[in-house]
């Protein structure tokens, strides 16, 4: 029951204070959007994103694939970042022997990954072409996972070092793409910063 209460409070807010909860924020976005449409009829606020994957699903289900090589590389960098984020969240929610300080580090790095790695990569992807087969359509984050499950439990120090290594390697790949997209330099720096934080606290 406590878990359900927490979900309701986070989603809909405590009694009388729903405006800052998820529901209130989404409602605010809708109201702003409707006001913009009323002020500017025909306004387009989205990009022509086409749901597409980097590689065919293991299930064999049909899927649209990203065939532009540069776009596919950026999408895979997003996939790596997403995989590391999930590993961080697994350890945050199911930590084995992390100290309170280390749990806070996991939380901080997780939120940091969302805002300064996942978000900018996703934004960049929505400006890049899917491929010549789909003219005028752009890609988006595909959230593909390479290994399932991928929890890195229960070995704490090894898990932290492995996550740091994945971020460092991904940062090098992001830097290699940086000449094509200027914002990637900031993403690479953020990845390296998070990797350093994990490495420094993996004792």
N, C-alpha and C. Protein backbone atom coordinates (compact mmCIF):
# COMPACT_ATOMS: atom_id res chain seq x y z
N UNK A 1 0.82 -1.20 0.00
CA UNK A 1 0.00 0.00 0.00
C UNK A 1 0.86 1.26 0.00
N UNK A 2 1.99 1.22 0.73
CA UNK A 2 2.84 2.40 0.77
C UNK A 2 3.41 2.70 -0.61
N UNK A 3 3.74 1.63 -1.35
CA UNK A 3 4.27 1.83 -2.70
C UNK A 3 3.21 2.47 -3.60
N UNK A 4 1.98 2.01 -3.50
CA UNK A 4 0.89 2.58 -4.31
C UNK A 4 0.66 4.03 -3.93
N UNK A 5 0.68 4.31 -2.62
CA UNK A 5 0.50 5.70 -2.16
C UNK A 5 1.60 6.60 -2.72
N UNK A 6 2.85 6.08 -2.74
CA UNK A 6 3.96 6.87 -3.25
C UNK A 6 3.79 7.16 -4.73
N UNK A 7 3.35 6.16 -5.50
CA UNK A 7 3.14 6.34 -6.93
C UNK A 7 2.05 7.37 -7.19
N UNK A 8 0.95 7.26 -6.42
CA UNK A 8 -0.15 8.21 -6.59
C UNK A 8 0.30 9.62 -6.24
N UNK A 9 1.08 9.75 -5.15
CA UNK A 9 1.52 11.08 -4.73
C UNK A 9 2.47 11.70 -5.74
N UNK A 10 3.39 10.88 -6.27
CA UNK A 10 4.33 11.41 -7.25
C UNK A 10 3.64 11.71 -8.57
N UNK A 11 2.66 10.89 -8.93
CA UNK A 11 1.98 11.09 -10.21
C UNK A 11 0.92 12.15 -10.16
N UNK A 12 0.12 12.17 -9.08
CA UNK A 12 -1.01 13.09 -9.01
C UNK A 12 -0.85 14.14 -7.92
N UNK A 13 0.18 14.00 -7.10
CA UNK A 13 0.43 14.99 -6.07
C UNK A 13 -0.36 14.72 -4.81
N UNK A 14 0.15 15.19 -3.67
CA UNK A 14 -0.63 15.06 -2.43
C UNK A 14 -1.88 15.92 -2.52
N UNK A 15 -2.83 15.65 -1.68
CA UNK A 15 -4.11 16.36 -1.72
C UNK A 15 -3.90 17.87 -1.71
N UNK A 16 -4.51 18.53 -2.70
CA UNK A 16 -4.45 19.97 -2.76
C UNK A 16 -3.18 20.54 -3.36
N UNK A 17 -2.23 19.69 -3.78
CA UNK A 17 -0.97 20.19 -4.33
C UNK A 17 -0.57 19.40 -5.56
N UNK A 18 -1.54 19.26 -6.49
CA UNK A 18 -1.29 18.43 -7.67
C UNK A 18 -0.61 19.18 -8.79
N UNK A 19 -0.54 20.52 -8.70
CA UNK A 19 -0.02 21.30 -9.83
C UNK A 19 1.46 21.05 -10.10
N UNK A 20 2.23 20.70 -9.06
CA UNK A 20 3.66 20.44 -9.25
C UNK A 20 3.97 18.97 -9.46
N UNK A 21 2.95 18.12 -9.37
CA UNK A 21 3.14 16.69 -9.63
C UNK A 21 3.14 16.44 -11.13
N UNK A 22 3.40 15.18 -11.53
CA UNK A 22 3.47 14.85 -12.95
C UNK A 22 2.19 15.25 -13.69
N UNK A 23 1.05 14.91 -13.11
CA UNK A 23 -0.22 15.22 -13.77
C UNK A 23 -0.36 16.72 -14.00
N UNK A 24 -0.07 17.50 -12.97
CA UNK A 24 -0.19 18.95 -13.09
C UNK A 24 0.74 19.52 -14.13
N UNK A 25 1.95 18.99 -14.21
CA UNK A 25 2.91 19.49 -15.19
C UNK A 25 2.49 19.15 -16.61
N UNK A 26 2.02 17.91 -16.82
CA UNK A 26 1.54 17.52 -18.14
C UNK A 26 0.34 18.36 -18.54
N UNK A 27 -0.55 18.61 -17.59
CA UNK A 27 -1.72 19.44 -17.88
C UNK A 27 -1.28 20.86 -18.26
N UNK A 28 -0.27 21.37 -17.57
CA UNK A 28 0.26 22.69 -17.91
C UNK A 28 0.82 22.75 -19.31
N UNK A 29 1.54 21.70 -19.71
CA UNK A 29 2.09 21.63 -21.07
C UNK A 29 0.96 21.64 -22.09
N UNK A 30 -0.10 20.86 -21.82
CA UNK A 30 -1.24 20.82 -22.74
C UNK A 30 -1.89 22.20 -22.86
N UNK A 31 -2.09 22.86 -21.74
CA UNK A 31 -2.72 24.18 -21.77
C UNK A 31 -1.87 25.19 -22.54
N UNK A 32 -0.55 25.14 -22.34
CA UNK A 32 0.34 26.04 -23.09
C UNK A 32 0.27 25.75 -24.59
N UNK A 33 0.25 24.47 -24.93
CA UNK A 33 0.19 24.07 -26.35
C UNK A 33 -1.11 24.55 -26.99
N UNK A 34 -2.23 24.35 -26.30
CA UNK A 34 -3.52 24.79 -26.85
C UNK A 34 -3.56 26.31 -27.01
N UNK A 35 -2.95 27.03 -26.06
CA UNK A 35 -2.91 28.49 -26.17
C UNK A 35 -2.06 28.92 -27.36
N UNK A 36 -0.95 28.22 -27.61
CA UNK A 36 -0.10 28.54 -28.75
C UNK A 36 -0.83 28.28 -30.07
N UNK A 37 -1.59 27.16 -30.12
CA UNK A 37 -2.35 26.85 -31.33
C UNK A 37 -3.42 27.90 -31.60
N UNK A 38 -4.05 28.37 -30.53
CA UNK A 38 -5.08 29.39 -30.69
C UNK A 38 -4.47 30.70 -31.20
N UNK A 39 -3.28 31.01 -30.70
CA UNK A 39 -2.62 32.25 -31.12
C UNK A 39 -2.03 32.14 -32.51
N UNK A 40 -1.58 30.92 -32.88
CA UNK A 40 -0.94 30.72 -34.19
C UNK A 40 -1.52 29.45 -34.83
N UNK A 41 -2.65 29.56 -35.49
CA UNK A 41 -3.25 28.38 -36.14
C UNK A 41 -2.28 27.73 -37.12
N UNK A 42 -2.26 26.40 -37.13
CA UNK A 42 -1.37 25.68 -38.03
C UNK A 42 0.05 25.55 -37.54
N UNK A 43 0.30 25.99 -36.31
CA UNK A 43 1.65 25.93 -35.75
C UNK A 43 2.13 24.49 -35.64
N UNK A 44 3.36 24.23 -36.09
CA UNK A 44 3.98 22.91 -35.97
C UNK A 44 5.04 22.97 -34.88
N UNK A 45 4.87 22.19 -33.83
CA UNK A 45 5.83 22.22 -32.72
C UNK A 45 6.62 20.92 -32.62
N UNK A 46 6.40 20.01 -33.55
CA UNK A 46 7.11 18.73 -33.53
C UNK A 46 7.99 18.60 -34.76
N UNK A 47 8.90 17.63 -34.70
CA UNK A 47 9.75 17.32 -35.84
C UNK A 47 9.22 16.06 -36.51
N UNK A 48 9.55 15.85 -37.80
CA UNK A 48 8.99 14.70 -38.54
C UNK A 48 9.69 13.39 -38.19
N UNK A 49 9.59 13.01 -36.92
CA UNK A 49 10.30 11.81 -36.44
C UNK A 49 9.58 10.55 -36.88
N UNK A 50 10.35 9.60 -37.37
CA UNK A 50 9.83 8.29 -37.76
C UNK A 50 10.40 7.24 -36.81
N UNK A 51 9.56 6.50 -36.08
CA UNK A 51 10.09 5.45 -35.19
C UNK A 51 10.92 4.44 -35.98
N UNK A 52 12.18 4.30 -35.62
CA UNK A 52 13.08 3.42 -36.37
C UNK A 52 14.15 2.87 -35.44
N UNK A 53 14.67 1.72 -35.79
CA UNK A 53 15.69 1.04 -34.99
C UNK A 53 17.02 1.03 -35.75
N UNK A 54 18.08 0.75 -35.00
CA UNK A 54 19.41 0.62 -35.61
C UNK A 54 19.58 -0.76 -36.24
N UNK A 55 19.02 -1.77 -35.59
CA UNK A 55 19.14 -3.15 -36.09
C UNK A 55 17.81 -3.87 -35.93
N UNK A 56 17.59 -4.93 -36.73
CA UNK A 56 16.31 -5.64 -36.65
C UNK A 56 16.08 -6.24 -35.25
N UNK A 57 14.83 -6.27 -34.78
CA UNK A 57 14.54 -6.87 -33.48
C UNK A 57 14.86 -8.36 -33.47
N UNK A 58 15.30 -8.86 -32.31
CA UNK A 58 15.59 -10.29 -32.19
C UNK A 58 14.33 -11.13 -32.35
N UNK A 59 13.18 -10.54 -32.12
CA UNK A 59 11.92 -11.27 -32.23
C UNK A 59 11.55 -11.56 -33.68
N UNK A 60 12.23 -10.90 -34.62
CA UNK A 60 11.90 -11.10 -36.03
C UNK A 60 10.76 -10.23 -36.52
N UNK A 61 10.19 -9.41 -35.64
CA UNK A 61 9.10 -8.54 -36.05
C UNK A 61 9.61 -7.50 -37.04
N UNK A 62 8.77 -7.12 -37.99
CA UNK A 62 9.21 -6.10 -38.97
C UNK A 62 9.41 -4.76 -38.28
N UNK A 63 10.41 -4.02 -38.74
CA UNK A 63 10.70 -2.71 -38.16
C UNK A 63 11.39 -1.84 -39.19
N UNK A 64 11.15 -0.56 -39.11
CA UNK A 64 11.87 0.40 -39.95
C UNK A 64 13.26 0.58 -39.37
N UNK A 65 14.28 0.55 -40.21
CA UNK A 65 15.66 0.67 -39.76
C UNK A 65 16.27 2.00 -40.17
N UNK A 66 17.16 2.49 -39.32
CA UNK A 66 17.93 3.69 -39.65
C UNK A 66 19.05 3.28 -40.59
N UNK A 67 19.02 3.79 -41.81
CA UNK A 67 20.02 3.38 -42.80
C UNK A 67 21.08 4.46 -43.04
N UNK A 68 20.86 5.67 -42.55
CA UNK A 68 21.91 6.69 -42.64
C UNK A 68 23.01 6.33 -41.64
N UNK A 69 24.24 6.08 -42.09
CA UNK A 69 25.29 5.60 -41.18
C UNK A 69 25.58 6.53 -40.01
N UNK A 70 25.67 7.84 -40.27
CA UNK A 70 25.98 8.79 -39.20
C UNK A 70 24.86 8.82 -38.16
N UNK A 71 23.62 8.80 -38.64
CA UNK A 71 22.48 8.79 -37.72
C UNK A 71 22.47 7.52 -36.88
N UNK A 72 22.77 6.38 -37.52
CA UNK A 72 22.79 5.11 -36.80
C UNK A 72 23.84 5.13 -35.69
N UNK A 73 24.99 5.75 -35.94
CA UNK A 73 26.03 5.81 -34.91
C UNK A 73 25.58 6.64 -33.72
N UNK A 74 24.93 7.76 -33.97
CA UNK A 74 24.43 8.60 -32.88
C UNK A 74 23.34 7.86 -32.12
N UNK A 75 22.47 7.15 -32.84
CA UNK A 75 21.41 6.38 -32.18
C UNK A 75 22.00 5.31 -31.28
N UNK A 76 23.06 4.65 -31.73
CA UNK A 76 23.68 3.62 -30.90
C UNK A 76 24.38 4.21 -29.67
N UNK A 77 24.93 5.41 -29.82
CA UNK A 77 25.50 6.08 -28.66
C UNK A 77 24.40 6.36 -27.63
N UNK A 78 23.23 6.73 -28.12
CA UNK A 78 22.09 6.90 -27.23
C UNK A 78 21.70 5.59 -26.57
N UNK A 79 21.79 4.50 -27.31
CA UNK A 79 21.46 3.19 -26.74
C UNK A 79 22.44 2.80 -25.63
N UNK A 80 23.72 3.07 -25.86
CA UNK A 80 24.73 2.78 -24.83
C UNK A 80 24.45 3.61 -23.58
N UNK A 81 24.17 4.90 -23.77
CA UNK A 81 23.87 5.76 -22.63
C UNK A 81 22.63 5.27 -21.88
N UNK A 82 21.63 4.84 -22.63
CA UNK A 82 20.40 4.33 -22.01
C UNK A 82 20.68 3.05 -21.22
N UNK A 83 21.52 2.17 -21.77
CA UNK A 83 21.85 0.94 -21.07
C UNK A 83 22.58 1.23 -19.76
N UNK A 84 23.54 2.15 -19.78
CA UNK A 84 24.25 2.51 -18.56
C UNK A 84 23.29 3.16 -17.56
N UNK A 85 22.38 3.98 -18.04
CA UNK A 85 21.40 4.60 -17.14
C UNK A 85 20.57 3.54 -16.44
N UNK A 86 20.13 2.53 -17.17
CA UNK A 86 19.35 1.45 -16.54
C UNK A 86 20.20 0.70 -15.51
N UNK A 87 21.46 0.46 -15.81
CA UNK A 87 22.35 -0.19 -14.85
C UNK A 87 22.48 0.64 -13.58
N UNK A 88 22.61 1.95 -13.75
CA UNK A 88 22.68 2.84 -12.59
C UNK A 88 21.40 2.76 -11.76
N UNK A 89 20.27 2.77 -12.43
CA UNK A 89 18.99 2.71 -11.71
C UNK A 89 18.79 1.37 -11.02
N UNK A 90 19.24 0.28 -11.67
CA UNK A 90 19.18 -1.03 -11.01
C UNK A 90 19.93 -1.00 -9.70
N UNK A 91 21.13 -0.46 -9.74
CA UNK A 91 21.95 -0.43 -8.53
C UNK A 91 21.36 0.53 -7.50
N UNK A 92 20.77 1.61 -7.96
CA UNK A 92 20.16 2.56 -7.04
C UNK A 92 18.98 1.93 -6.31
N UNK A 93 18.15 1.19 -7.02
CA UNK A 93 16.95 0.62 -6.42
C UNK A 93 17.21 -0.71 -5.71
N UNK A 94 18.25 -1.41 -6.14
CA UNK A 94 18.52 -2.75 -5.58
C UNK A 94 19.95 -2.83 -5.06
N UNK A 95 20.44 -1.74 -4.47
CA UNK A 95 21.85 -1.72 -4.05
C UNK A 95 22.12 -2.82 -3.03
N UNK A 96 23.33 -3.33 -3.10
CA UNK A 96 23.72 -4.47 -2.25
C UNK A 96 24.43 -3.98 -0.99
N UNK A 97 25.59 -3.37 -1.16
CA UNK A 97 26.34 -2.92 0.02
C UNK A 97 26.87 -1.50 -0.15
N UNK A 98 26.22 -0.71 -1.01
CA UNK A 98 26.61 0.68 -1.16
C UNK A 98 26.33 1.46 0.13
N UNK A 99 27.20 2.40 0.44
CA UNK A 99 26.97 3.29 1.58
C UNK A 99 25.90 4.32 1.21
N UNK A 100 25.43 5.07 2.20
CA UNK A 100 24.46 6.13 1.91
C UNK A 100 25.04 7.15 0.94
N UNK A 101 26.32 7.44 1.09
CA UNK A 101 26.98 8.38 0.20
C UNK A 101 27.02 7.85 -1.23
N UNK A 102 27.30 6.55 -1.37
CA UNK A 102 27.35 5.95 -2.71
C UNK A 102 25.97 5.90 -3.35
N UNK A 103 24.94 5.66 -2.54
CA UNK A 103 23.58 5.66 -3.07
C UNK A 103 23.24 7.05 -3.62
N UNK A 104 23.67 8.08 -2.92
CA UNK A 104 23.44 9.45 -3.39
C UNK A 104 24.18 9.70 -4.71
N UNK A 105 25.40 9.16 -4.82
CA UNK A 105 26.16 9.30 -6.06
C UNK A 105 25.41 8.64 -7.21
N UNK A 106 24.87 7.44 -6.97
CA UNK A 106 24.11 6.75 -8.00
C UNK A 106 22.91 7.58 -8.44
N UNK A 107 22.22 8.18 -7.47
CA UNK A 107 21.05 9.00 -7.79
C UNK A 107 21.46 10.24 -8.60
N UNK A 108 22.53 10.89 -8.16
CA UNK A 108 22.98 12.11 -8.84
C UNK A 108 23.45 11.82 -10.27
N UNK A 109 24.21 10.75 -10.43
CA UNK A 109 24.70 10.41 -11.77
C UNK A 109 23.54 9.99 -12.67
N UNK A 110 22.57 9.26 -12.12
CA UNK A 110 21.40 8.85 -12.91
C UNK A 110 20.66 10.06 -13.45
N UNK A 111 20.36 11.01 -12.59
CA UNK A 111 19.64 12.22 -13.02
C UNK A 111 20.50 13.02 -14.00
N UNK A 112 21.80 13.10 -13.72
CA UNK A 112 22.70 13.81 -14.63
C UNK A 112 22.71 13.18 -16.01
N UNK A 113 22.71 11.85 -16.07
CA UNK A 113 22.68 11.15 -17.35
C UNK A 113 21.42 11.50 -18.14
N UNK A 114 20.31 11.62 -17.43
CA UNK A 114 19.05 11.94 -18.13
C UNK A 114 19.12 13.30 -18.79
N UNK A 115 19.66 14.29 -18.07
CA UNK A 115 19.59 15.67 -18.54
C UNK A 115 20.75 16.07 -19.45
N UNK A 116 21.98 15.57 -19.18
CA UNK A 116 23.10 16.07 -19.99
C UNK A 116 23.70 15.02 -20.93
N UNK A 117 23.06 13.85 -21.02
CA UNK A 117 23.50 12.84 -22.00
C UNK A 117 22.31 12.37 -22.84
N UNK A 118 21.32 11.76 -22.20
CA UNK A 118 20.18 11.20 -22.93
C UNK A 118 19.40 12.30 -23.66
N UNK A 119 19.06 13.37 -22.95
CA UNK A 119 18.23 14.43 -23.56
C UNK A 119 18.89 15.08 -24.77
N UNK A 120 20.17 15.53 -24.67
CA UNK A 120 20.76 16.15 -25.86
C UNK A 120 20.97 15.18 -27.02
N UNK A 121 21.31 13.92 -26.73
CA UNK A 121 21.45 12.95 -27.81
C UNK A 121 20.11 12.74 -28.52
N UNK A 122 19.04 12.65 -27.73
CA UNK A 122 17.71 12.47 -28.32
C UNK A 122 17.35 13.68 -29.18
N UNK A 123 17.66 14.87 -28.69
CA UNK A 123 17.34 16.08 -29.43
C UNK A 123 18.11 16.14 -30.75
N UNK A 124 19.38 15.77 -30.70
CA UNK A 124 20.19 15.74 -31.93
C UNK A 124 19.62 14.75 -32.92
N UNK A 125 19.22 13.57 -32.43
CA UNK A 125 18.69 12.53 -33.32
C UNK A 125 17.46 13.00 -34.08
N UNK A 126 16.63 13.80 -33.43
CA UNK A 126 15.39 14.23 -34.10
C UNK A 126 15.65 15.25 -35.20
N UNK A 127 16.91 15.63 -35.40
CA UNK A 127 17.27 16.51 -36.51
C UNK A 127 17.99 15.76 -37.63
N UNK A 128 18.25 14.47 -37.42
CA UNK A 128 19.05 13.70 -38.37
C UNK A 128 18.16 12.79 -39.22
N UNK A 129 18.55 12.55 -40.49
CA UNK A 129 17.71 11.75 -41.38
C UNK A 129 17.72 10.26 -41.02
N UNK A 130 16.57 9.61 -41.21
CA UNK A 130 16.49 8.16 -41.03
C UNK A 130 17.28 7.47 -42.14
N UNK A 131 17.09 7.92 -43.35
CA UNK A 131 17.76 7.34 -44.50
C UNK A 131 17.07 7.76 -45.78
N UNK A 132 17.71 7.49 -46.92
CA UNK A 132 17.14 7.94 -48.21
C UNK A 132 15.79 7.30 -48.54
N UNK A 133 15.49 6.19 -47.90
CA UNK A 133 14.20 5.52 -48.16
C UNK A 133 13.02 6.32 -47.59
N UNK A 134 13.33 7.25 -46.66
CA UNK A 134 12.27 8.01 -45.99
C UNK A 134 12.62 9.50 -46.05
N UNK A 135 12.54 10.11 -47.21
CA UNK A 135 12.93 11.52 -47.35
C UNK A 135 12.08 12.43 -46.47
N UNK A 136 12.76 13.38 -45.85
CA UNK A 136 12.08 14.34 -45.01
C UNK A 136 11.76 13.86 -43.61
N UNK A 137 12.05 12.61 -43.30
CA UNK A 137 11.76 12.07 -41.98
C UNK A 137 13.05 11.96 -41.16
N UNK A 138 12.93 12.24 -39.89
CA UNK A 138 14.10 12.20 -39.01
C UNK A 138 13.99 11.04 -38.03
N UNK A 139 15.12 10.74 -37.40
CA UNK A 139 15.18 9.64 -36.44
C UNK A 139 14.84 10.14 -35.04
N UNK A 140 14.96 9.26 -34.10
CA UNK A 140 14.76 9.58 -32.69
C UNK A 140 15.41 8.49 -31.87
N UNK A 141 15.45 8.63 -30.56
CA UNK A 141 16.06 7.58 -29.72
C UNK A 141 15.30 6.26 -29.87
N UNK A 142 16.03 5.18 -30.05
CA UNK A 142 15.38 3.88 -30.28
C UNK A 142 15.34 3.01 -29.03
N UNK A 143 16.11 3.37 -28.00
CA UNK A 143 16.08 2.65 -26.71
C UNK A 143 16.24 1.15 -26.89
N UNK A 144 17.24 0.77 -27.68
CA UNK A 144 17.53 -0.65 -27.88
C UNK A 144 18.53 -1.12 -26.83
N UNK A 145 18.30 -2.31 -26.29
CA UNK A 145 19.21 -2.89 -25.31
C UNK A 145 19.94 -4.06 -25.96
N UNK A 146 21.24 -4.16 -25.65
CA UNK A 146 22.07 -5.18 -26.28
C UNK A 146 22.06 -6.49 -25.50
N UNK A 147 21.91 -6.42 -24.18
CA UNK A 147 21.91 -7.62 -23.36
C UNK A 147 20.76 -7.54 -22.37
N UNK A 148 20.00 -8.62 -22.26
CA UNK A 148 18.92 -8.67 -21.28
C UNK A 148 19.00 -10.01 -20.56
N UNK A 149 18.96 -10.07 -19.24
CA UNK A 149 19.05 -8.91 -18.35
C UNK A 149 20.50 -8.41 -18.25
N UNK A 150 20.65 -7.21 -17.70
CA UNK A 150 21.97 -6.56 -17.65
C UNK A 150 22.10 -5.80 -16.33
N UNK A 151 21.92 -6.49 -15.22
CA UNK A 151 21.77 -5.83 -13.93
C UNK A 151 23.08 -5.50 -13.22
N UNK A 152 24.16 -6.20 -13.55
CA UNK A 152 25.46 -6.00 -12.89
C UNK A 152 25.38 -6.20 -11.37
N UNK A 153 24.55 -7.11 -10.94
CA UNK A 153 24.45 -7.43 -9.52
C UNK A 153 25.10 -8.79 -9.28
N UNK A 154 25.64 -9.06 -8.07
CA UNK A 154 25.68 -8.20 -6.88
C UNK A 154 27.04 -7.52 -6.66
N UNK A 155 27.96 -7.59 -7.61
CA UNK A 155 29.35 -7.18 -7.37
C UNK A 155 29.49 -5.67 -7.48
N UNK A 156 29.55 -4.99 -6.35
CA UNK A 156 29.48 -3.54 -6.31
C UNK A 156 30.64 -2.86 -7.04
N UNK A 157 31.88 -3.09 -6.57
CA UNK A 157 33.01 -2.36 -7.13
C UNK A 157 33.18 -2.66 -8.62
N UNK A 158 33.06 -3.93 -8.97
CA UNK A 158 33.18 -4.30 -10.39
C UNK A 158 32.09 -3.64 -11.23
N UNK A 159 30.88 -3.57 -10.68
CA UNK A 159 29.78 -2.95 -11.41
C UNK A 159 30.04 -1.47 -11.65
N UNK A 160 30.50 -0.78 -10.61
CA UNK A 160 30.78 0.66 -10.73
C UNK A 160 31.88 0.90 -11.76
N UNK A 161 32.93 0.10 -11.70
CA UNK A 161 34.04 0.29 -12.63
C UNK A 161 33.61 -0.03 -14.06
N UNK A 162 32.76 -1.05 -14.22
CA UNK A 162 32.30 -1.40 -15.56
C UNK A 162 31.43 -0.29 -16.15
N UNK A 163 30.55 0.29 -15.34
CA UNK A 163 29.72 1.39 -15.82
C UNK A 163 30.60 2.59 -16.20
N UNK A 164 31.62 2.86 -15.39
CA UNK A 164 32.54 3.96 -15.69
C UNK A 164 33.28 3.68 -17.00
N UNK A 165 33.71 2.43 -17.19
CA UNK A 165 34.43 2.08 -18.41
C UNK A 165 33.54 2.25 -19.64
N UNK A 166 32.28 1.80 -19.53
CA UNK A 166 31.35 1.95 -20.66
C UNK A 166 31.15 3.42 -21.02
N UNK A 167 31.03 4.27 -20.00
CA UNK A 167 30.84 5.70 -20.26
C UNK A 167 32.08 6.33 -20.88
N UNK A 168 33.25 5.93 -20.40
CA UNK A 168 34.49 6.47 -20.97
C UNK A 168 34.66 6.07 -22.43
N UNK A 169 34.36 4.81 -22.73
CA UNK A 169 34.48 4.34 -24.11
C UNK A 169 33.44 5.04 -25.01
N UNK A 170 32.24 5.20 -24.48
CA UNK A 170 31.21 5.89 -25.26
C UNK A 170 31.60 7.34 -25.49
N UNK A 171 32.22 7.97 -24.49
CA UNK A 171 32.65 9.37 -24.64
C UNK A 171 33.65 9.51 -25.78
N UNK A 172 34.55 8.54 -25.91
CA UNK A 172 35.53 8.58 -27.00
C UNK A 172 34.83 8.49 -28.35
N UNK A 173 33.80 7.65 -28.43
CA UNK A 173 33.05 7.54 -29.69
C UNK A 173 32.26 8.82 -29.99
N UNK A 174 31.72 9.43 -28.94
CA UNK A 174 31.00 10.69 -29.12
C UNK A 174 31.95 11.77 -29.63
N UNK A 175 33.15 11.81 -29.07
CA UNK A 175 34.15 12.79 -29.51
C UNK A 175 34.51 12.60 -30.97
N UNK A 176 34.54 11.34 -31.41
CA UNK A 176 34.86 11.06 -32.81
C UNK A 176 33.79 11.60 -33.75
N UNK A 177 32.55 11.71 -33.26
CA UNK A 177 31.46 12.25 -34.06
C UNK A 177 31.33 13.77 -33.90
N UNK A 178 32.09 14.34 -32.99
CA UNK A 178 31.92 15.73 -32.61
C UNK A 178 32.13 16.72 -33.73
N UNK A 179 32.91 16.35 -34.73
CA UNK A 179 33.15 17.28 -35.84
C UNK A 179 31.89 17.50 -36.67
N UNK A 180 30.95 16.57 -36.60
CA UNK A 180 29.70 16.68 -37.37
C UNK A 180 28.63 17.43 -36.58
N UNK A 181 28.68 17.33 -35.26
CA UNK A 181 27.63 17.92 -34.44
C UNK A 181 28.29 18.58 -33.22
N UNK A 182 28.28 19.89 -33.19
CA UNK A 182 29.03 20.63 -32.17
C UNK A 182 28.57 20.30 -30.75
N UNK A 183 27.29 20.04 -30.55
CA UNK A 183 26.78 19.78 -29.20
C UNK A 183 27.31 18.48 -28.61
N UNK A 184 27.85 17.60 -29.45
CA UNK A 184 28.34 16.32 -28.95
C UNK A 184 29.55 16.49 -28.03
N UNK A 185 30.30 17.57 -28.20
CA UNK A 185 31.45 17.79 -27.31
C UNK A 185 30.99 17.92 -25.87
N UNK A 186 29.87 18.60 -25.65
CA UNK A 186 29.32 18.75 -24.31
C UNK A 186 28.83 17.41 -23.77
N UNK A 187 28.23 16.60 -24.64
CA UNK A 187 27.77 15.27 -24.23
C UNK A 187 28.96 14.41 -23.82
N UNK A 188 30.02 14.44 -24.61
CA UNK A 188 31.22 13.65 -24.29
C UNK A 188 31.81 14.07 -22.96
N UNK A 189 31.88 15.38 -22.72
CA UNK A 189 32.42 15.88 -21.46
C UNK A 189 31.56 15.42 -20.28
N UNK A 190 30.25 15.42 -20.46
CA UNK A 190 29.36 14.96 -19.39
C UNK A 190 29.57 13.48 -19.12
N UNK A 191 29.71 12.67 -20.18
CA UNK A 191 29.96 11.24 -20.00
C UNK A 191 31.25 11.00 -19.23
N UNK A 192 32.29 11.73 -19.60
CA UNK A 192 33.57 11.56 -18.91
C UNK A 192 33.46 12.00 -17.45
N UNK A 193 32.72 13.07 -17.20
CA UNK A 193 32.53 13.52 -15.83
C UNK A 193 31.80 12.49 -14.99
N UNK A 194 30.76 11.88 -15.54
CA UNK A 194 30.03 10.85 -14.80
C UNK A 194 30.90 9.61 -14.60
N UNK A 195 31.68 9.27 -15.60
CA UNK A 195 32.59 8.13 -15.47
C UNK A 195 33.61 8.37 -14.36
N UNK A 196 34.16 9.57 -14.32
CA UNK A 196 35.13 9.90 -13.27
C UNK A 196 34.49 9.84 -11.88
N UNK A 197 33.25 10.30 -11.78
CA UNK A 197 32.55 10.26 -10.50
C UNK A 197 32.34 8.83 -10.03
N UNK A 198 31.93 7.97 -10.94
CA UNK A 198 31.72 6.56 -10.59
C UNK A 198 33.04 5.91 -10.18
N UNK A 199 34.07 6.20 -10.95
CA UNK A 199 35.38 5.60 -10.67
C UNK A 199 35.92 6.06 -9.32
N UNK A 200 35.72 7.33 -9.01
CA UNK A 200 36.24 7.87 -7.74
C UNK A 200 35.50 7.34 -6.53
N UNK A 201 34.28 6.86 -6.74
CA UNK A 201 33.47 6.39 -5.60
C UNK A 201 33.28 4.88 -5.60
N UNK A 202 34.08 4.18 -6.39
CA UNK A 202 33.92 2.72 -6.50
C UNK A 202 34.72 1.95 -5.47
N UNK A 203 35.15 2.60 -4.40
CA UNK A 203 35.98 1.96 -3.39
C UNK A 203 35.18 0.95 -2.57
